[in-house]
Protein backbone atom coordinates (compact mmCIF):
# COMPACT_ATOMS: atom_id res chain seq x y z
CA UNK A 1 -19.57 -13.72 30.84
CA UNK A 2 -17.07 -10.87 30.59
CA UNK A 3 -18.48 -7.34 30.44
CA UNK A 4 -17.18 -4.15 28.84
CA UNK A 5 -18.72 -0.72 28.41
CA UNK A 6 -17.98 -0.59 24.68
CA UNK A 7 -17.37 -3.50 22.32
CA UNK A 8 -15.60 -2.59 19.08
CA UNK A 9 -16.05 -5.26 16.41
CA UNK A 10 -13.12 -4.91 14.01
CA UNK A 11 -9.57 -3.66 14.56
CA UNK A 12 -8.96 -1.63 11.42
CA UNK A 13 -8.13 2.11 11.49
CA UNK A 14 -11.66 3.07 12.53
CA UNK A 15 -11.93 0.38 15.17
CA UNK A 16 -8.53 0.64 16.82
CA UNK A 17 -8.50 4.47 16.85
CA UNK A 18 -11.98 4.50 18.40
CA UNK A 19 -10.80 2.10 21.10
CA UNK A 20 -7.76 4.22 21.97
CA UNK A 21 -9.83 7.42 22.13
CA UNK A 22 -12.42 5.72 24.36
CA UNK A 23 -9.58 4.57 26.60
CA UNK A 24 -8.25 8.14 26.75
CA UNK A 25 -11.66 9.16 28.05
CA UNK A 26 -11.56 6.45 30.70
CA UNK A 27 -14.28 4.35 29.06
CA UNK A 28 -13.70 0.59 29.27
CA UNK A 29 -13.37 -0.87 25.78
CA UNK A 30 -12.72 -4.27 24.23
CA UNK A 31 -11.75 -4.86 20.59
CA UNK A 32 -12.69 -8.01 18.69
CA UNK A 33 -10.29 -8.72 15.81
CA UNK A 34 -9.66 -12.22 14.43
CA UNK A 35 -6.57 -11.12 12.46
CA UNK A 36 -3.83 -8.72 13.55
CA UNK A 37 -4.74 -5.21 14.64
CA UNK A 38 -4.68 -2.61 11.87
CA UNK A 39 -7.13 -4.29 9.53
CA UNK A 40 -6.83 -4.44 5.75
CA UNK A 41 -5.41 -0.90 5.53
CA UNK A 42 -2.33 -1.48 7.63
CA UNK A 43 -1.72 -5.16 6.89
CA UNK A 44 -2.85 -5.58 3.27
CA UNK A 45 -3.78 -2.18 1.87
CA UNK A 46 -2.72 1.42 2.40
CA UNK A 47 0.67 0.95 4.06
CA UNK A 48 2.14 -2.00 2.11
CA UNK A 49 1.08 -0.51 -1.23
CA UNK A 50 2.70 2.82 -0.33
CA UNK A 51 5.99 1.09 0.43
CA UNK A 52 5.83 -0.39 -3.07
CA UNK A 53 4.97 3.06 -4.44
CA UNK A 54 8.14 4.49 -2.88
CA UNK A 55 10.29 1.69 -4.25
CA UNK A 56 8.81 2.20 -7.71
CA UNK A 57 9.48 5.94 -7.45
CA UNK A 58 13.16 5.25 -6.76
CA UNK A 59 13.33 2.81 -9.67
CA UNK A 60 11.85 5.49 -11.96
CA UNK A 61 14.27 8.13 -10.66
CA UNK A 62 17.22 5.83 -11.31
CA UNK A 63 15.93 5.20 -14.82
CA UNK A 64 15.76 8.98 -15.35
CA UNK A 65 19.08 9.73 -13.62
CA UNK A 66 20.75 11.06 -16.76
CA UNK A 67 18.23 13.93 -16.92
CA UNK A 68 19.58 15.03 -13.51
CA UNK A 69 23.16 15.00 -14.78
CA UNK A 70 23.93 11.64 -13.14
CA UNK A 71 25.39 8.46 -14.58
CA UNK A 72 24.05 5.49 -12.60
CA UNK A 73 26.21 2.37 -12.66
CA UNK A 74 23.28 -0.03 -12.60
CA UNK A 75 19.53 -0.17 -13.08
CA UNK A 76 19.07 -3.55 -11.45
CA UNK A 77 16.65 -4.08 -8.56
CA UNK A 78 15.66 -7.19 -6.62
CA UNK A 79 11.90 -7.42 -6.07
CA UNK A 80 12.40 -9.88 -3.21
CA UNK A 81 14.22 -7.16 -1.28
CA UNK A 82 11.41 -4.70 -2.06
CA UNK A 83 8.90 -7.32 -0.86
CA UNK A 84 10.79 -7.88 2.39
CA UNK A 85 11.06 -4.14 3.04
CA UNK A 86 7.27 -3.90 2.69
CA UNK A 87 6.76 -6.70 5.21
CA UNK A 88 9.24 -5.15 7.63
CA UNK A 89 7.49 -1.76 7.63
CA UNK A 90 4.06 -3.37 8.11
CA UNK A 91 5.39 -5.46 11.00
CA UNK A 92 6.93 -2.41 12.65
CA UNK A 93 3.70 -0.40 12.47
CA UNK A 94 1.43 -3.25 13.58
CA UNK A 95 3.75 -4.07 16.48
CA UNK A 96 3.66 -0.40 17.49
CA UNK A 97 -0.14 -0.38 17.68
CA UNK A 98 -0.13 -3.66 19.59
CA UNK A 99 2.28 -2.04 22.06
CA UNK A 100 -0.11 0.91 22.49
CA UNK A 101 -2.93 -1.51 23.31
CA UNK A 102 -0.79 -3.37 25.86
CA UNK A 103 0.37 -0.11 27.42
CA UNK A 104 -3.20 1.14 27.75
CA UNK A 105 -4.46 -2.31 28.84
CA UNK A 106 -7.07 -2.42 26.08
CA UNK A 107 -8.11 -6.06 25.59
CA UNK A 108 -8.00 -7.53 22.07
CA UNK A 109 -10.12 -10.65 21.65
CA UNK A 110 -8.59 -12.57 18.73
CA UNK A 111 -11.87 -14.00 17.61
CA UNK A 112 -14.72 -13.14 15.24
CA UNK A 113 -18.10 -12.03 16.57
CA UNK A 114 -20.69 -14.25 14.89
CA UNK A 115 -23.89 -13.12 16.60
CA UNK A 116 -25.32 -10.33 18.74
CA UNK A 117 -28.51 -10.32 20.75
CA UNK A 118 -30.16 -8.00 23.26
CA UNK A 119 -30.49 -8.93 26.94
CA UNK A 120 -32.15 -6.38 29.21
CA UNK A 121 -30.19 -3.14 28.67
CA UNK A 122 -27.06 -4.83 27.31
CA UNK A 123 -25.90 -6.56 24.15
CA UNK A 124 -24.53 -10.09 24.26
CA UNK A 125 -21.83 -10.87 21.70
CA UNK A 126 -21.03 -14.48 20.85
CA UNK A 127 -17.62 -15.24 19.32
CA UNK A 128 -16.84 -18.09 16.92
CA UNK A 129 -15.20 -19.92 19.83
CA UNK A 130 -18.52 -19.89 21.68
CA UNK A 131 -17.34 -17.39 24.30
CA UNK A 132 -19.82 -14.67 25.20
CA UNK A 133 -19.31 -11.04 26.18
CA UNK A 134 -21.72 -8.29 27.19
CA UNK A 135 -21.50 -4.59 26.39
CA UNK A 136 -23.56 -1.45 26.85
CA UNK A 137 -22.45 0.01 23.51
CA UNK A 138 -21.34 -1.64 20.27
CA UNK A 139 -19.30 -0.13 17.43
CA UNK A 140 -19.40 -2.26 14.27
CA UNK A 141 -16.24 -1.77 12.17
CA UNK A 142 -16.11 -5.00 10.16
CA UNK A 143 -14.80 -3.41 6.96
CA UNK A 144 -15.15 -4.68 3.40
CA UNK A 145 -13.91 -7.39 1.07
CA UNK A 146 -12.92 -7.59 -2.60
CA UNK A 147 -15.79 -7.87 -5.04
CA UNK A 148 -15.86 -10.58 -7.73
CA UNK A 149 -17.38 -10.69 -11.20
CA UNK A 150 -20.03 -13.31 -12.00
CA UNK A 151 -18.36 -16.53 -13.05
CA UNK A 152 -14.84 -15.28 -12.28
CA UNK A 153 -13.58 -16.33 -8.86
CA UNK A 154 -10.59 -14.94 -6.98
CA UNK A 155 -8.33 -17.93 -6.20
CA UNK A 156 -5.30 -15.88 -5.01
CA UNK A 157 -3.13 -18.02 -7.29
CA UNK A 158 -3.66 -16.68 -10.79
CA UNK A 159 -6.67 -14.42 -10.25
CA UNK A 160 -5.80 -12.26 -7.26
CA UNK A 161 -7.32 -9.65 -5.01
CA UNK A 162 -5.24 -6.71 -3.81
CA UNK A 163 -4.34 -8.84 -0.78
CA UNK A 164 -3.06 -11.61 -3.01
CA UNK A 165 -1.00 -9.12 -5.01
CA UNK A 166 0.75 -8.00 -1.84
CA UNK A 167 1.53 -11.61 -0.91
CA UNK A 168 3.25 -12.19 -4.26
CA UNK A 169 7.00 -12.27 -3.68
CA UNK A 170 7.98 -12.47 -7.36
CA UNK A 171 7.00 -10.30 -10.29
CA UNK A 172 4.83 -11.81 -13.03
CA UNK A 173 5.80 -11.25 -16.65
CA UNK A 174 2.35 -9.83 -17.46
CA UNK A 175 -0.63 -8.59 -15.47
CA UNK A 176 -4.22 -7.77 -16.41
CA UNK A 177 -6.01 -5.40 -14.05
CA UNK A 178 -9.77 -5.81 -14.21
CA UNK A 179 -11.15 -2.45 -13.10
CA UNK A 180 -9.62 0.98 -13.57
CA UNK A 181 -10.53 2.46 -10.22
CA UNK A 182 -8.14 3.73 -7.55
CA UNK A 183 -6.78 0.34 -6.43
CA UNK A 184 -6.44 -1.00 -9.96
CA UNK A 185 -4.63 2.06 -11.27
CA UNK A 186 -2.26 2.14 -8.29
CA UNK A 187 -1.17 -1.46 -8.80
CA UNK A 188 -0.92 -0.96 -12.55
CA UNK A 189 1.34 2.06 -12.07
CA UNK A 190 3.57 0.27 -9.55
CA UNK A 191 4.07 -2.94 -11.51
CA UNK A 192 4.55 -1.20 -14.85
CA UNK A 193 7.45 0.71 -13.30
CA UNK A 194 8.93 -2.63 -12.18
CA UNK A 195 8.93 -3.76 -15.82
CA UNK A 196 5.75 -5.87 -15.85
CA UNK A 197 3.59 -5.80 -18.98
CA UNK A 198 0.34 -4.30 -17.65
CA UNK A 199 -3.16 -4.11 -19.14
CA UNK A 200 -6.13 -2.27 -17.57
CA UNK A 201 -9.62 -3.35 -18.64
CA UNK A 202 -12.31 -0.89 -17.52
CA UNK A 203 -16.05 -1.30 -18.14
CA UNK A 204 -16.74 2.44 -17.87
CA UNK A 205 -15.67 5.08 -20.42
CA UNK A 206 -12.86 6.46 -18.21
CA UNK A 207 -10.44 5.54 -15.44
CA UNK A 208 -11.00 6.56 -11.78
CA UNK A 209 -14.55 7.51 -12.71
CA UNK A 210 -15.30 9.21 -9.38
CA UNK A 211 -12.62 11.82 -10.04
CA UNK A 212 -13.00 15.03 -12.03
CA UNK A 213 -13.21 14.10 -15.72
CA UNK A 214 -10.23 16.28 -16.66
CA UNK A 215 -8.10 14.49 -14.04
CA UNK A 216 -9.20 11.09 -15.37
CA UNK A 217 -8.13 11.98 -18.90
CA UNK A 218 -4.71 13.17 -17.75
CA UNK A 219 -4.17 10.01 -15.71
CA UNK A 220 -5.01 7.81 -18.71
CA UNK A 221 -2.52 9.83 -20.75
CA UNK A 222 0.22 9.34 -18.14
CA UNK A 223 -0.38 5.60 -17.71
CA UNK A 224 -0.33 5.01 -21.45
CA UNK A 225 2.97 6.92 -21.61
CA UNK A 226 4.35 4.41 -19.07
CA UNK A 227 3.49 1.63 -21.52
CA UNK A 228 0.30 0.46 -19.82
CA UNK A 229 -2.35 -0.80 -22.25
CA UNK A 230 -5.66 0.84 -21.29
CA UNK A 231 -8.90 -0.64 -22.67
CA UNK A 232 -12.08 1.31 -21.83
CA UNK A 233 -15.79 0.60 -22.40
CA UNK A 234 -14.99 -3.10 -22.21
CA UNK A 235 -16.22 -5.91 -19.97
CA UNK A 236 -14.45 -9.13 -19.02
CA UNK A 237 -16.89 -11.92 -19.87
CA UNK A 238 -14.92 -15.00 -18.85
CA UNK A 239 -11.56 -16.17 -17.53
CA UNK A 240 -9.97 -19.48 -18.51
CA UNK A 241 -6.87 -20.99 -16.95
CA UNK A 242 -4.07 -21.74 -19.41
CA UNK A 243 -0.70 -23.49 -19.10
CA UNK A 244 1.06 -20.20 -18.46
CA UNK A 245 -1.64 -18.07 -16.82
CA UNK A 246 -5.15 -16.84 -17.64
CA UNK A 247 -7.02 -16.08 -20.87
CA UNK A 248 -9.60 -13.32 -20.56
CA UNK A 249 -12.49 -13.11 -23.01
CA UNK A 250 -13.41 -9.46 -23.53
CA UNK A 251 -16.64 -7.89 -24.75
CA UNK A 252 -14.80 -6.33 -27.71
CA UNK A 253 -14.43 -9.86 -29.20
CA UNK A 254 -10.76 -10.19 -28.27
CA UNK A 255 -8.86 -12.52 -25.94
CA UNK A 256 -6.10 -11.33 -23.62
CA UNK A 257 -3.61 -13.86 -22.23
CA UNK A 258 -1.57 -12.89 -19.17
CA UNK A 259 0.33 -14.59 -16.37
CA UNK A 260 -1.64 -13.00 -13.50
CA UNK A 261 -4.93 -11.13 -13.09
CA UNK A 262 -5.81 -8.53 -10.46
CA UNK A 263 -9.54 -8.38 -9.74
CA UNK A 264 -10.19 -4.78 -8.80
CA UNK A 265 -13.85 -4.08 -9.48
CA UNK A 266 -14.69 -2.59 -6.09
CA UNK A 267 -15.31 -3.69 -2.54
CA UNK A 268 -18.41 -4.88 -0.69
CA UNK A 269 -19.27 -4.36 3.00
CA UNK A 270 -18.57 -7.28 5.33
CA UNK A 271 -21.77 -7.56 7.35
CA UNK A 272 -21.86 -11.22 8.37
CA UNK A 273 -22.96 -10.92 12.01
CA UNK A 274 -26.23 -12.62 12.94
CA UNK A 275 -28.28 -9.96 14.75
CA UNK A 276 -30.55 -12.44 16.50
CA UNK A 277 -34.05 -11.01 16.88
CA UNK A 278 -32.74 -7.51 16.09
CA UNK A 279 -33.83 -5.75 12.91
CA UNK A 280 -30.64 -3.90 12.02
CA UNK A 281 -31.34 -1.55 9.11
CA UNK A 282 -29.20 -2.15 6.03
CA UNK A 283 -29.21 -1.06 2.42
CA UNK A 284 -27.53 -3.20 -0.27
CA UNK A 285 -25.48 -4.94 2.40
CA UNK A 286 -24.27 -1.74 4.10
CA UNK A 287 -25.35 -0.75 7.62
CA UNK A 288 -27.46 2.42 7.67
CA UNK A 289 -26.26 5.20 10.00
CA UNK A 290 -27.13 8.78 10.91
CA UNK A 291 -24.78 11.77 11.23
CA UNK A 292 -23.50 10.47 14.57
CA UNK A 293 -22.81 6.98 13.15
CA UNK A 294 -25.79 5.56 15.08
CA UNK A 295 -27.70 2.65 13.60
CA UNK A 296 -31.43 2.16 14.15
CA UNK A 297 -30.61 -0.05 17.18
CA UNK A 298 -30.09 1.76 20.50
CA UNK A 299 -26.42 2.13 21.49
CA UNK A 300 -25.20 0.43 18.30
CA UNK A 301 -22.92 2.40 15.98
CA UNK A 302 -21.30 1.50 12.66
CA UNK A 303 -18.22 3.02 11.03
CA UNK A 304 -15.95 2.51 8.05
CA UNK A 305 -16.44 0.40 4.94
CA UNK A 306 -19.35 -1.56 6.41
CA UNK A 307 -21.39 1.66 6.06
CA UNK A 308 -20.28 2.10 2.40
CA UNK A 309 -19.80 5.83 3.06
CA UNK A 310 -16.71 6.63 0.99
CA UNK A 311 -14.54 3.56 1.62
CA UNK A 312 -11.34 5.19 2.83
CA UNK A 313 -9.28 4.50 5.96
CA UNK A 314 -9.37 8.13 7.11
CA UNK A 315 -13.15 8.17 6.65
CA UNK A 316 -13.43 5.22 9.03
CA UNK A 317 -11.11 6.89 11.55
CA UNK A 318 -13.06 10.15 11.59
CA UNK A 319 -16.41 8.34 11.73
CA UNK A 320 -15.09 6.42 14.72
CA UNK A 321 -14.12 9.60 16.55
CA UNK A 322 -17.58 11.04 15.89
CA UNK A 323 -19.15 7.90 17.37
CA UNK A 324 -16.82 8.06 20.38
CA UNK A 325 -17.81 11.66 21.16
CA UNK A 326 -21.46 10.68 21.13
CA UNK A 327 -20.84 7.66 23.37
CA UNK A 328 -18.78 9.80 25.74
CA UNK A 329 -21.61 12.30 26.14
CA UNK A 330 -24.00 9.49 27.04
CA UNK A 331 -21.65 7.63 29.39
CA UNK A 332 -20.51 10.76 31.21
CA UNK A 333 -23.81 12.60 30.79
CA UNK A 334 -21.87 15.57 29.45
CA UNK A 335 -22.76 18.21 26.90
CA UNK A 336 -22.50 17.12 23.30
CA UNK A 337 -21.59 19.58 20.57
CA UNK A 338 -22.38 17.98 17.21
CA UNK A 339 -20.28 18.65 14.13
CA UNK A 340 -21.42 18.14 10.58
CA UNK A 341 -19.75 15.19 8.84
CA UNK A 342 -19.40 16.40 5.25
CA UNK A 343 -18.37 13.41 3.14
CA UNK A 344 -17.67 15.43 -0.01
CA UNK A 345 -14.99 17.36 1.90
CA UNK A 346 -12.99 14.22 2.71
CA UNK A 347 -9.70 14.22 0.74
CA UNK A 348 -9.29 11.42 -1.80
CA UNK A 349 -5.81 10.28 -2.83
CA UNK A 350 -4.64 7.99 -5.61
CA UNK A 351 -0.97 6.95 -5.42
CA UNK A 352 -0.35 6.42 -9.09
CA UNK A 353 2.52 8.01 -11.02
CA UNK A 354 1.48 10.83 -11.25
CA UNK A 355 -0.39 11.14 -7.96
CA UNK A 356 -3.94 12.41 -7.68
CA UNK A 357 -5.38 14.38 -4.77
CA UNK A 358 -8.92 15.72 -4.67
CA UNK A 359 -11.39 17.23 -2.23
CA UNK A 360 -14.84 18.73 -2.57
CA UNK A 361 -16.97 18.79 -5.70
CA UNK A 362 -15.88 17.83 -9.20
CA UNK A 363 -16.62 20.32 -11.96
CA UNK A 364 -19.72 18.37 -13.01
CA UNK A 365 -20.98 18.05 -9.42
CA UNK A 366 -20.34 21.74 -8.67
CA UNK A 367 -22.36 22.84 -11.70
CA UNK A 368 -25.25 20.60 -10.62
CA UNK A 369 -25.09 21.86 -7.02
CA UNK A 370 -24.38 25.59 -7.44
CA UNK A 371 -25.17 26.44 -11.06
CA UNK A 372 -22.61 28.92 -12.32
CA UNK A 373 -19.06 28.26 -11.10
CA UNK A 374 -15.57 29.68 -11.53
CA UNK A 375 -12.50 27.56 -12.29
CA UNK A 376 -8.84 28.37 -11.75
CA UNK A 377 -6.00 26.21 -13.05
CA UNK A 378 -2.24 26.27 -12.86
CA UNK A 379 0.22 23.81 -14.47
CA UNK A 380 3.22 22.32 -12.67
CA UNK A 381 5.17 23.04 -15.85
CA UNK A 382 5.22 26.69 -14.72
CA UNK A 383 6.23 25.90 -11.12
CA UNK A 384 9.91 26.37 -10.25
CA UNK A 385 10.09 23.57 -7.66
CA UNK A 386 8.45 21.08 -10.03
CA UNK A 387 10.95 22.04 -12.73
CA UNK A 388 13.83 21.53 -10.30
CA UNK A 389 12.42 18.07 -9.54
CA UNK A 390 12.03 17.30 -13.27
CA UNK A 391 8.44 16.40 -12.44
CA UNK A 392 6.21 18.87 -14.24
CA UNK A 393 3.34 16.70 -15.48
CA UNK A 394 -0.08 17.81 -14.26
CA UNK A 395 -1.85 20.77 -12.75
CA UNK A 396 -3.95 22.13 -9.89
CA UNK A 397 -7.62 22.84 -10.59
CA UNK A 398 -9.68 24.84 -8.09
CA UNK A 399 -13.45 25.31 -8.27
CA UNK A 400 -15.43 28.15 -6.65
CA UNK A 401 -19.03 29.27 -6.57
CA UNK A 402 -19.63 32.19 -8.92
CA UNK A 403 -21.92 34.10 -6.53
CA UNK A 404 -19.44 34.47 -3.64
CA UNK A 405 -16.16 32.85 -4.83
CA UNK A 406 -16.27 30.29 -2.00
CA UNK A 407 -13.94 27.38 -2.76
CA UNK A 408 -15.89 24.15 -3.19
CA UNK A 409 -13.47 21.81 -4.97
CA UNK A 410 -9.79 21.20 -5.62
CA UNK A 411 -8.24 18.57 -7.88
CA UNK A 412 -4.53 17.94 -8.29
CA UNK A 413 -2.65 15.59 -10.58
CA UNK A 414 1.11 15.75 -10.38
CA UNK A 415 4.03 15.62 -7.92
CA UNK A 416 3.09 15.06 -4.27
CA UNK A 417 -0.60 15.66 -4.98
CA UNK A 418 -1.61 13.47 -2.03
CA UNK A 419 0.31 15.73 0.37
CA UNK A 420 -0.73 19.00 -1.27
CA UNK A 421 -4.45 18.25 -1.18
CA UNK A 422 -4.50 18.73 2.61
CA UNK A 423 -4.23 22.47 1.95
CA UNK A 424 -7.30 22.31 -0.25
CA UNK A 425 -9.11 20.27 2.38
CA UNK A 426 -8.49 22.93 5.02
CA UNK A 427 -9.53 25.79 2.74
CA UNK A 428 -12.74 24.12 1.57
CA UNK A 429 -13.74 22.81 5.01
CA UNK A 430 -13.25 26.29 6.48
CA UNK A 431 -15.42 27.83 3.76
CA UNK A 432 -12.79 30.30 2.55
CA UNK A 433 -13.14 32.37 -0.60
CA UNK A 434 -10.64 33.02 -3.36
CA UNK A 435 -10.09 36.49 -1.92
CA UNK A 436 -9.46 35.06 1.57
CA UNK A 437 -6.51 33.06 0.21
CA UNK A 438 -4.73 36.31 -0.60
CA UNK A 439 -3.95 36.69 3.11
CA UNK A 440 -2.01 33.39 3.11
CA UNK A 441 1.72 33.48 2.36
CA UNK A 442 2.94 30.45 0.40
CA UNK A 443 6.65 29.64 0.72
CA UNK A 444 8.91 29.84 -2.32
CA UNK A 445 10.06 27.70 -4.02
CA UNK A 446 7.44 25.05 -3.27
CA UNK A 447 4.91 22.94 -5.11
CA UNK A 448 2.18 24.55 -3.00
CA UNK A 449 2.63 27.75 -4.98
CA UNK A 450 0.69 25.96 -7.73
CA UNK A 451 -2.28 25.87 -5.35
CA UNK A 452 -1.91 29.61 -4.70
CA UNK A 453 -1.79 30.41 -8.39
CA UNK A 454 -4.76 28.18 -9.23
CA UNK A 455 -6.83 30.07 -6.64
CA UNK A 456 -5.53 33.39 -7.99
CA UNK A 457 -6.58 32.25 -11.46
CA UNK A 458 -10.20 32.11 -10.28
CA UNK A 459 -9.99 35.89 -10.13
CA UNK A 460 -7.79 36.05 -13.27
CA UNK A 461 -4.85 37.21 -11.12
CA UNK A 462 -2.34 34.35 -11.52
CA UNK A 463 1.12 35.88 -11.95
CA UNK A 464 2.93 33.04 -13.72
CA UNK A 465 0.18 31.40 -15.76
CA UNK A 466 0.88 31.69 -19.48
């Protein structure tokens, strides 16, 4: 039986980054990953979708070339080439991480862990091959999987998950997206730009329901302008295969026939390990953890989607680094300086057209948490750089407490929102006030000036707001 100090179950962003950091600290680590390193995010999620986002951006810019004073000779694109570019970028990144593991001599066991039991002061992990390994510490990073609706199964042929969508090398004529959350809206935005007839069916009264309500309304407006049919307050009751695709029966007594369907109604934790004789605490399928990512079992940690704590790749990565610091202090018997993991201050990004970036409390949440609040807003239509880019849709909205003007939320919809929100994340995490921001110099002409002016607007001091 092979032994390692730390066994990391799952090689996604949280798992592989934890393993590298443990290796940097000189702590022996083994990663168990049945697929390729990088997990869903790198292989079938974040990275491949963002390559499609970039291609769709270029297609849109070509379509709008005349507004820039250009006269493009052609507006033809080949989706197969776009598909191959996506695969090439994913392969390059995955190969790079595999090289890092070889260079650092971090073992990757290409097998699934099916059971874990306790033996003396160690854990014994059994792989699907029957091989057994022992470890002093375990980090569970098994991720999540696509959720299905009752009676509607994902077959990856006509009814697809996000993974199936990314395996599709040809564009369908029409696409129904069941679920108007982040993943659904991203795919809808991408494929509508490529000329696909797209429908979004959302059970709730608004899209991206976890975002600030004002942002949700603006996104719906933008997607409809792209030609996407958005149906809210509507459930999909059944799906029937037809000669040309799928017929969806909707709760509004209508039937929608499309060539392909994307099932995007959320994700569920993958927690399929048999913890033999060990009572691992879970809640609705997710592993319960404390602030240091510890489970109720000694020396067992859990990170990422399997904890259902804001299912984002960068959440998993940061959770993993928190767990590593705690393990390091125990292995090396060194001082441990805990930091507070504030989930609400994790940036959230939606790569639609237009992009959304948010951090901290929404307006509704801030009112519930702090009572009276102050709100500053600034439109990209009044920003010089946005005008030069011919991309002026959207705004920056900043929320502060009324008692001390501390920034507690920022929400952006518009050009490069996913990049800009990092500034809001820093400000809010550092606890700065609207007055503190006055000491920061924002370069001109930049999109970030919209952030400056939205904060100034909290104090009714925005220079360029009409």
